[in-house]
Amino acid sequence: MLKKTPVIAALALACGLLGTPAQADETLRIGVIASYSGPYADYGRQFDAGIQLYLKEHGGKIAGKKVEIIKKDTAGPAPDAAKRFAQELIVRDKVSFITGLDFSPNAYALAPIVTQAKVPTVVMNASSSAITTSSPYIARVSFTVQQVSAPMATWLLKQGVKETYVVVADYASGTDAHTAFEQAFAMGGGKVVGSVRTPMNNPDFSAYVQRIKDAKPESVFFFFPSGVMPPAFLKAWKERGMEEAGIKLFATGEATDDSYLEATGDAALGLITSHHYSYAHKSEKNQKFVKDFYDTFGKSMRPSYFAITAYDGMAAIAGALQKTGGDVSGDKVMAALKGLQFESPRGPIEIDAATGDIVQTVYIRRTERVGGELVNVEFDQFDKVKDPAKAAK
């Protein structure tokens, strides 16, 4: 019957006639929409690991309730599927929260659904700036691409770099990276001398790299989503002799995602990136997180920023419910999330009370071989960074 019911009517039925999940029983149901198959399946595995670690530490419970995780696989950027899964999670599975959300198009697609149903949604990765403005029921514990791109521009200017060429993937987060970097660079007197947007999942960057080489810029800044694109770009960069040509390369941390760093190999050595988490982050909390991760899952998979934000997503849900006394109603949870502060394995984080977006430290890192493994070594940082698109609000 529900399959034939219009979306708004179905959501009204779910939220009104059936009551909230918390009223039905003492199980806290959390829906996770992510990539569990296809080229980005590691995203879902990392999410699962972070969620499991948090629940293991807390006896499988949040706010005194047993937690049930209900997973939905989008197999990558698939907004139509994400929207359908959100409807299923709310109407059929009666979840109290939706989380996961690795790709920005997927997060945007479900915004009208969670708004109508008033279901709190915690973004664990999707990083396009406007996601938290698309619904009053969305908060983010990950990062925005603008948040990690602008500090790199500022840092380059401090190093005396005055010209750069920008390369980004052609989707919303790529646009954000380009915009934030160029604005911050221009404010400090820098100049973007050229740019290119590449198709998603492009396996061959040789023509793009040759175009850059012919332009002879002082430096290049690039952004691609974690996974298949950065290693391919770095390989083309090495093959075309760009370092020998004297062109300096910089990127956001997706380029050296800890999950893919060993597979990327020496092509990543020396690359300087800006991001919010490194597996090698030197804090007691992170060292415990990494140890617990390996003790639980073995060393076949290295914890990445996806695992950290999944862990923090569970912590944020728990923190909000502690403030609401276990009440999962959307308005109360969102009010409790805003202004929430706690110590993450990546460092201190806060959900901005005005925007529902993350405030955190952004680190400047260099890829080095330490103890026989490739790691992102942090050597500089910007504290309490807000998303530049919302910083003035």
Protein backbone atom coordinates (compact mmCIF):
# COMPACT_ATOMS: atom_id res chain seq x y z
CA MET A 1 0.00 0.00 0.00
CA LEU A 2 2.74 2.46 0.97
CA LYS A 3 4.49 1.99 -2.35
CA LYS A 4 1.48 3.51 -4.11
CA THR A 5 1.03 6.31 -1.59
CA PRO A 6 2.31 9.79 -2.60
CA VAL A 7 5.55 10.68 -0.82
CA ILE A 8 4.17 13.46 1.36
CA ALA A 9 1.17 11.39 2.43
CA ALA A 10 3.39 8.43 3.19
CA LEU A 11 5.70 10.56 5.28
CA ALA A 12 2.79 12.10 7.12
CA LEU A 13 1.52 8.60 7.85
CA ALA A 14 4.93 7.51 9.09
CA CYS A 15 5.50 10.53 11.27
CA GLY A 16 1.96 11.21 12.41
CA LEU A 17 -0.20 8.09 12.56
CA LEU A 18 2.56 5.64 13.38
CA GLY A 19 4.40 7.86 15.84
CA THR A 20 8.15 8.18 16.20
CA PRO A 21 10.38 5.11 16.41
CA ALA A 22 11.27 5.97 20.00
CA GLN A 23 7.61 5.62 20.93
CA ALA A 24 7.36 2.21 19.29
CA ASP A 25 10.09 0.38 21.25
CA GLU A 26 13.39 0.84 23.02
CA THR A 27 15.54 0.24 19.94
CA LEU A 28 17.21 3.25 18.37
CA ARG A 29 17.14 2.69 14.61
CA ILE A 30 19.71 4.57 12.54
CA GLY A 31 19.71 4.47 8.76
CA VAL A 32 23.06 4.64 6.95
CA ILE A 33 23.02 5.61 3.28
CA ALA A 34 26.43 5.03 1.71
CA SER A 35 28.45 3.22 -0.97
CA TYR A 36 28.91 -0.44 -0.10
CA SER A 37 29.61 -1.73 -3.59
CA GLY A 38 31.32 -0.45 -6.73
CA PRO A 39 34.51 1.63 -6.94
CA TYR A 40 33.72 3.56 -3.74
CA ALA A 41 32.85 0.55 -1.56
CA ASP A 42 35.68 1.44 0.82
CA TYR A 43 33.64 4.46 1.91
CA GLY A 44 30.92 2.21 3.31
CA ARG A 45 33.42 -0.15 4.93
CA GLN A 46 35.09 2.77 6.69
CA PHE A 47 31.74 4.14 7.85
CA ASP A 48 30.84 0.71 9.24
CA ALA A 49 34.15 0.43 11.06
CA GLY A 50 33.80 3.83 12.74
CA ILE A 51 30.21 3.13 13.76
CA GLN A 52 31.10 -0.31 15.12
CA LEU A 53 34.03 1.03 17.13
CA TYR A 54 31.88 3.68 18.80
CA LEU A 55 29.13 1.18 19.63
CA LYS A 56 31.67 -1.36 20.88
CA GLU A 57 33.04 1.25 23.30
CA HIS A 58 29.54 1.95 24.58
CA GLY A 59 28.10 -1.53 24.88
CA GLY A 60 26.10 -1.27 21.68
CA LYS A 61 23.86 1.42 23.14
CA ILE A 62 23.13 5.12 22.75
CA ALA A 63 20.99 6.96 25.32
CA GLY A 64 20.43 3.64 27.07
CA LYS A 65 18.86 2.09 23.98
CA LYS A 66 20.09 -0.76 21.85
CA VAL A 67 21.14 0.52 18.43
CA GLU A 68 20.05 -1.06 15.17
CA ILE A 69 21.93 0.05 12.05
CA ILE A 70 20.02 -0.26 8.77
CA LYS A 71 22.25 0.10 5.72
CA LYS A 72 21.36 1.20 2.20
CA ASP A 73 23.82 0.93 -0.69
CA THR A 74 23.92 3.69 -3.31
CA ALA A 75 27.11 2.27 -4.93
CA GLY A 76 28.40 5.82 -5.47
CA PRO A 77 26.79 9.14 -6.40
CA ALA A 78 23.16 8.19 -7.04
CA PRO A 79 20.72 10.89 -5.90
CA ASP A 80 17.59 9.08 -7.06
CA ALA A 81 18.56 5.99 -5.08
CA ALA A 82 19.46 8.08 -2.02
CA LYS A 83 16.06 9.76 -2.10
CA ARG A 84 14.26 6.43 -2.43
CA PHE A 85 16.30 4.91 0.40
CA ALA A 86 15.51 7.85 2.67
CA GLN A 87 11.80 7.31 2.04
CA GLU A 88 12.15 3.59 2.80
CA LEU A 89 14.11 4.20 5.98
CA ILE A 90 11.56 6.66 7.30
CA VAL A 91 8.32 5.00 6.20
CA ARG A 92 9.13 1.30 6.39
CA ASP A 93 12.06 1.04 8.80
CA LYS A 94 10.95 3.86 11.11
CA VAL A 95 14.45 5.20 11.75
CA SER A 96 15.07 7.99 14.23
CA PHE A 97 18.19 9.23 12.39
CA ILE A 98 19.68 9.10 8.92
CA THR A 99 23.44 9.28 8.51
CA GLY A 100 26.29 8.13 6.27
CA LEU A 101 26.04 10.16 3.05
CA ASP A 102 29.37 9.96 1.30
CA PHE A 103 28.47 11.94 -1.86
CA SER A 104 27.03 15.45 -1.96
CA PRO A 105 24.42 14.79 -4.69
CA ASN A 106 22.97 12.06 -2.47
CA ALA A 107 22.75 14.39 0.53
CA TYR A 108 21.03 17.11 -1.49
CA ALA A 109 18.53 14.62 -2.89
CA LEU A 110 17.17 13.50 0.46
CA ALA A 111 16.95 17.00 1.98
CA PRO A 112 13.24 17.50 1.09
CA ILE A 113 12.41 14.05 2.48
CA VAL A 114 14.04 14.54 5.88
CA THR A 115 12.61 18.05 6.09
CA GLN A 116 9.07 16.80 5.52
CA ALA A 117 9.52 13.96 8.01
CA LYS A 118 11.55 16.04 10.50
CA VAL A 119 14.15 13.27 10.77
CA PRO A 120 17.56 14.43 12.09
CA THR A 121 20.28 13.72 9.54
CA VAL A 122 23.99 13.68 10.36
CA VAL A 123 26.32 13.93 7.35
CA MET A 124 29.45 11.80 7.77
CA ASN A 125 31.24 12.89 4.62
CA ALA A 126 29.37 14.75 1.85
CA SER A 127 31.25 18.02 1.68
CA SER A 128 29.49 20.45 -0.64
CA SER A 129 29.05 23.67 1.31
CA ALA A 130 25.31 24.23 0.88
CA ILE A 131 24.16 20.83 2.16
CA THR A 132 23.43 22.14 5.66
CA THR A 133 21.39 24.98 4.18
CA SER A 134 19.23 22.56 2.19
CA SER A 135 17.32 21.39 5.28
CA PRO A 136 16.97 22.49 8.91
CA TYR A 137 17.23 18.80 9.81
CA ILE A 138 20.76 18.29 8.46
CA ALA A 139 23.95 18.75 10.50
CA ARG A 140 27.47 17.79 9.46
CA VAL A 141 30.35 16.22 11.42
CA SER A 142 32.75 15.75 8.50
CA PHE A 143 34.05 18.82 6.67
CA THR A 144 33.37 21.00 3.68
CA VAL A 145 35.62 21.13 0.67
CA GLN A 146 35.75 24.91 1.04
CA GLN A 147 36.87 24.50 4.64
CA VAL A 148 39.99 22.55 3.65
CA SER A 149 40.66 24.35 0.33
CA ALA A 150 40.87 27.95 1.56
CA PRO A 151 43.55 27.21 4.19
CA MET A 152 45.76 25.73 1.49
CA ALA A 153 45.53 28.98 -0.48
CA THR A 154 46.43 30.96 2.63
CA TRP A 155 49.33 28.65 3.41
CA LEU A 156 50.71 28.85 -0.14
CA LEU A 157 50.69 32.62 -0.01
CA LYS A 158 52.71 32.47 3.22
CA GLN A 159 55.27 30.36 1.35
CA GLY A 160 55.60 33.01 -1.33
CA VAL A 161 53.62 31.16 -4.00
CA LYS A 162 51.81 33.77 -6.13
CA GLU A 163 50.54 31.86 -9.18
CA THR A 164 48.65 28.62 -9.51
CA TYR A 165 46.59 26.51 -11.87
CA VAL A 166 43.43 24.84 -10.50
CA VAL A 167 42.25 21.32 -11.42
CA VAL A 168 39.01 19.95 -9.95
CA ALA A 169 36.49 17.21 -10.62
CA ASP A 170 33.39 18.50 -12.37
CA TYR A 171 30.71 18.26 -9.67
CA ALA A 172 29.42 20.33 -6.75
CA SER A 173 32.35 19.70 -4.41
CA GLY A 174 34.82 20.43 -7.20
CA THR A 175 33.13 23.78 -7.75
CA ASP A 176 33.34 24.49 -4.01
CA ALA A 177 37.05 23.66 -3.92
CA HIS A 178 37.78 25.91 -6.88
CA THR A 179 35.71 28.79 -5.52
CA ALA A 180 37.13 28.72 -2.00
CA PHE A 181 40.72 28.33 -3.11
CA GLU A 182 40.56 31.07 -5.74
CA GLN A 183 38.82 33.54 -3.45
CA ALA A 184 41.30 33.04 -0.62
CA PHE A 185 44.24 33.12 -3.02
CA ALA A 186 43.06 36.34 -4.69
CA MET A 187 42.46 38.04 -1.33
CA GLY A 188 46.13 37.52 -0.53
CA GLY A 189 47.34 38.79 -3.88
CA GLY A 190 47.64 35.42 -5.62
CA LYS A 191 46.52 34.75 -9.19
CA VAL A 192 44.89 31.67 -10.73
CA VAL A 193 46.45 31.53 -14.20
CA GLY A 194 44.29 28.71 -15.56
CA SER A 195 41.83 26.00 -14.58
CA VAL A 196 40.21 22.81 -15.80
CA ARG A 197 37.32 20.65 -14.62
CA THR A 198 37.62 16.97 -15.38
CA PRO A 199 34.82 14.38 -15.69
CA MET A 200 34.23 12.15 -12.66
CA ASN A 201 36.10 8.84 -12.73
CA ASN A 202 38.29 9.89 -15.65
CA PRO A 203 40.93 7.13 -15.90
CA ASP A 204 43.34 9.09 -18.10
CA PHE A 205 44.68 12.50 -17.09
CA SER A 206 47.63 12.62 -19.46
CA ALA A 207 46.09 15.20 -21.81
CA TYR A 208 45.10 17.46 -18.91
CA VAL A 209 48.56 17.23 -17.36
CA GLN A 210 50.21 18.01 -20.68
CA ARG A 211 48.00 21.08 -21.02
CA ILE A 212 49.19 22.24 -17.61
CA LYS A 213 52.81 21.57 -18.50
CA ASP A 214 52.46 23.66 -21.64
CA ALA A 215 50.98 26.53 -19.57
CA LYS A 216 54.06 26.48 -17.27
CA PRO A 217 52.36 27.69 -14.07
CA GLU A 218 54.34 28.18 -10.87
CA SER A 219 52.12 25.67 -9.05
CA VAL A 220 49.00 23.51 -9.33
CA PHE A 221 46.25 22.97 -6.79
CA PHE A 222 43.88 20.04 -7.34
CA PHE A 223 40.81 18.46 -5.80
CA PHE A 224 39.31 15.05 -6.62
CA PRO A 225 37.16 12.79 -4.46
CA SER A 226 39.01 10.02 -2.66
CA GLY A 227 39.43 6.80 -4.58
CA VAL A 228 40.30 6.17 -8.20
CA MET A 229 40.98 9.70 -9.45
CA PRO A 230 43.89 10.99 -7.31
CA PRO A 231 46.25 8.03 -7.92
CA ALA A 232 45.62 8.26 -11.66
CA PHE A 233 46.34 11.98 -11.66
CA LEU A 234 49.52 11.58 -9.59
CA LYS A 235 50.73 8.82 -11.90
CA ALA A 236 50.21 11.06 -14.94
CA TRP A 237 51.98 13.89 -13.11
CA LYS A 238 55.05 11.74 -12.54
CA GLU A 239 55.03 10.30 -16.06
CA ARG A 240 54.93 13.76 -17.64
CA GLY A 241 57.93 14.95 -15.60
CA MET A 242 56.08 17.80 -13.94
CA GLU A 243 58.36 17.93 -10.91
CA GLU A 244 61.39 18.11 -13.18
CA ALA A 245 59.66 20.94 -15.03
CA GLY A 246 59.66 22.89 -11.75
CA ILE A 247 55.88 22.93 -11.24
CA LYS A 248 54.87 22.51 -7.59
CA LEU A 249 51.83 20.39 -6.75
CA PHE A 250 49.38 20.82 -3.86
CA ALA A 251 45.98 19.32 -3.05
CA THR A 252 43.30 18.69 -0.47
CA GLY A 253 43.62 15.56 1.65
CA GLU A 254 41.40 13.43 -0.58
CA ALA A 255 44.48 13.05 -2.79
CA THR A 256 46.26 11.11 -0.05
CA ASP A 257 43.31 9.44 1.66
CA ASP A 258 44.81 6.98 4.17
CA SER A 259 42.70 4.16 2.72
CA TYR A 260 44.37 4.46 -0.68
CA LEU A 261 47.80 5.84 0.23
CA GLU A 262 49.79 2.60 0.16
CA ALA A 263 48.17 1.62 -3.14
CA THR A 264 49.03 5.05 -4.56
CA GLY A 265 52.65 4.41 -3.67
CA ASP A 266 55.65 6.66 -4.18
CA ALA A 267 53.74 8.89 -6.62
CA ALA A 268 52.32 10.55 -3.48
CA LEU A 269 55.69 11.13 -1.76
CA GLY A 270 56.29 14.76 -0.88
CA LEU A 271 52.78 15.93 -1.80
CA ILE A 272 51.55 18.68 0.53
CA THR A 273 47.84 18.58 1.32
CA SER A 274 45.31 20.27 3.60
CA HIS A 275 42.75 18.22 5.52
CA HIS A 276 41.05 17.60 8.85
CA TYR A 277 42.43 14.15 9.72
CA SER A 278 45.50 12.00 9.31
CA TYR A 279 45.90 8.43 10.50
CA ALA A 280 49.27 9.65 11.88
CA HIS A 281 47.69 12.47 13.95
CA LYS A 282 49.65 12.61 17.20
CA SER A 283 47.05 12.69 19.94
CA GLU A 284 46.35 10.18 22.68
CA LYS A 285 42.74 9.79 21.53
CA ASN A 286 43.75 9.10 17.94
CA GLN A 287 46.45 6.63 18.98
CA LYS A 288 43.81 4.72 20.96
CA PHE A 289 41.40 4.90 18.03
CA VAL A 290 43.98 3.47 15.62
CA LYS A 291 44.95 0.70 18.06
CA ASP A 292 41.31 -0.24 18.66
CA PHE A 293 40.66 -0.15 14.91
CA TYR A 294 43.48 -2.59 14.18
CA ASP A 295 42.64 -4.79 17.17
CA THR A 296 39.06 -5.07 15.92
CA PHE A 297 39.46 -5.24 12.15
CA GLY A 298 43.06 -6.29 11.60
CA LYS A 299 45.56 -4.43 9.44
CA SER A 300 44.05 -5.19 6.06
CA MET A 301 42.35 -1.77 6.19
CA ARG A 302 43.84 1.48 7.53
CA PRO A 303 41.45 3.90 9.28
CA SER A 304 40.67 6.95 7.16
CA TYR A 305 38.78 10.18 7.67
CA PHE A 306 35.60 8.28 6.76
CA ALA A 307 36.00 6.04 9.82
CA ILE A 308 36.74 9.02 12.06
CA THR A 309 33.67 10.98 10.97
CA ALA A 310 31.47 7.89 11.34
CA TYR A 311 32.79 7.46 14.88
CA ASP A 312 32.14 11.14 15.53
CA GLY A 313 28.70 10.91 13.97
CA MET A 314 27.70 8.35 16.57
CA ALA A 315 29.24 10.53 19.28
CA ALA A 316 27.23 13.51 18.04
CA ILE A 317 23.98 11.54 18.08
CA ALA A 318 24.77 10.33 21.61
CA GLY A 319 25.67 13.84 22.73
CA ALA A 320 22.45 15.26 21.34
CA LEU A 321 20.29 12.58 22.97
CA GLN A 322 22.05 13.15 26.26
CA LYS A 323 20.93 16.78 26.04
CA THR A 324 17.34 15.85 25.04
CA GLY A 325 17.02 13.13 27.67
CA GLY A 326 16.60 10.53 24.93
CA ASP A 327 13.90 12.43 23.05
CA VAL A 328 14.42 11.78 19.31
CA SER A 329 11.97 14.36 17.98
CA GLY A 330 13.58 16.23 15.12
CA ASP A 331 13.38 19.79 16.40
CA LYS A 332 14.75 18.92 19.83
CA VAL A 333 17.60 16.84 18.41
CA MET A 334 18.64 19.54 15.94
CA ALA A 335 18.61 22.15 18.70
CA ALA A 336 20.77 19.84 20.81
CA LEU A 337 23.24 19.19 17.99
CA LYS A 338 23.88 22.87 17.37
CA GLY A 339 26.70 24.10 19.57
CA LEU A 340 27.70 20.55 20.55
CA GLN A 341 31.44 20.29 21.31
CA PHE A 342 33.63 17.28 21.99
CA GLU A 343 37.12 15.88 21.48
CA SER A 344 37.48 13.76 18.35
CA PRO A 345 40.46 11.56 17.39
CA ARG A 346 41.19 14.35 14.86
CA GLY A 347 41.16 17.08 17.54
CA PRO A 348 38.52 19.39 19.04
CA ILE A 349 35.33 19.77 16.99
CA GLU A 350 32.12 21.76 17.29
CA ILE A 351 28.82 21.87 15.42
CA ASP A 352 28.26 25.56 14.74
CA ALA A 353 25.14 26.77 16.56
CA ALA A 354 24.25 29.14 13.73
CA THR A 355 24.78 26.85 10.73
CA GLY A 356 24.77 23.23 11.90
CA ASP A 357 28.13 22.80 10.20
CA ILE A 358 31.45 21.57 11.56
CA VAL A 359 34.12 23.83 13.07
CA GLN A 360 37.53 22.17 13.39
CA THR A 361 41.29 22.26 12.90
CA VAL A 362 42.60 22.01 9.34
CA TYR A 363 46.09 20.54 9.10
CA ILE A 364 48.80 21.03 6.50
CA ARG A 365 50.48 17.66 5.87
CA ARG A 366 53.30 16.19 3.79
CA THR A 367 53.27 12.60 2.56
CA GLU A 368 56.34 10.84 3.92
CA ARG A 369 57.53 7.29 4.44
CA VAL A 370 57.71 6.68 8.20
CA GLY A 371 58.50 3.29 9.70
CA GLY A 372 58.17 1.71 6.29
CA GLU A 373 54.70 3.06 5.54
CA LEU A 374 53.37 6.10 3.72
CA VAL A 375 51.66 8.57 6.05
CA ASN A 376 50.41 12.16 6.05
CA VAL A 377 52.67 13.97 8.50
CA GLU A 378 51.06 17.12 9.93
CA PHE A 379 53.42 20.07 10.24
CA ASP A 380 51.20 23.17 10.32
CA GLN A 381 47.59 23.92 11.17
CA PHE A 382 44.70 26.39 11.14
CA ASP A 383 42.55 26.31 14.29
CA LYS A 384 38.76 26.60 14.61
CA VAL A 385 38.14 26.80 10.88
CA LYS A 386 34.55 27.36 9.73
CA ASP A 387 33.22 26.74 6.27
CA PRO A 388 34.25 29.94 4.40
CA ALA A 389 30.83 30.14 2.76
CA LYS A 390 29.24 30.50 6.21
CA ALA A 391 32.05 32.11 8.22
CA ALA A 392 30.51 35.58 8.11
CA LYS A 393 27.12 34.36 9.23
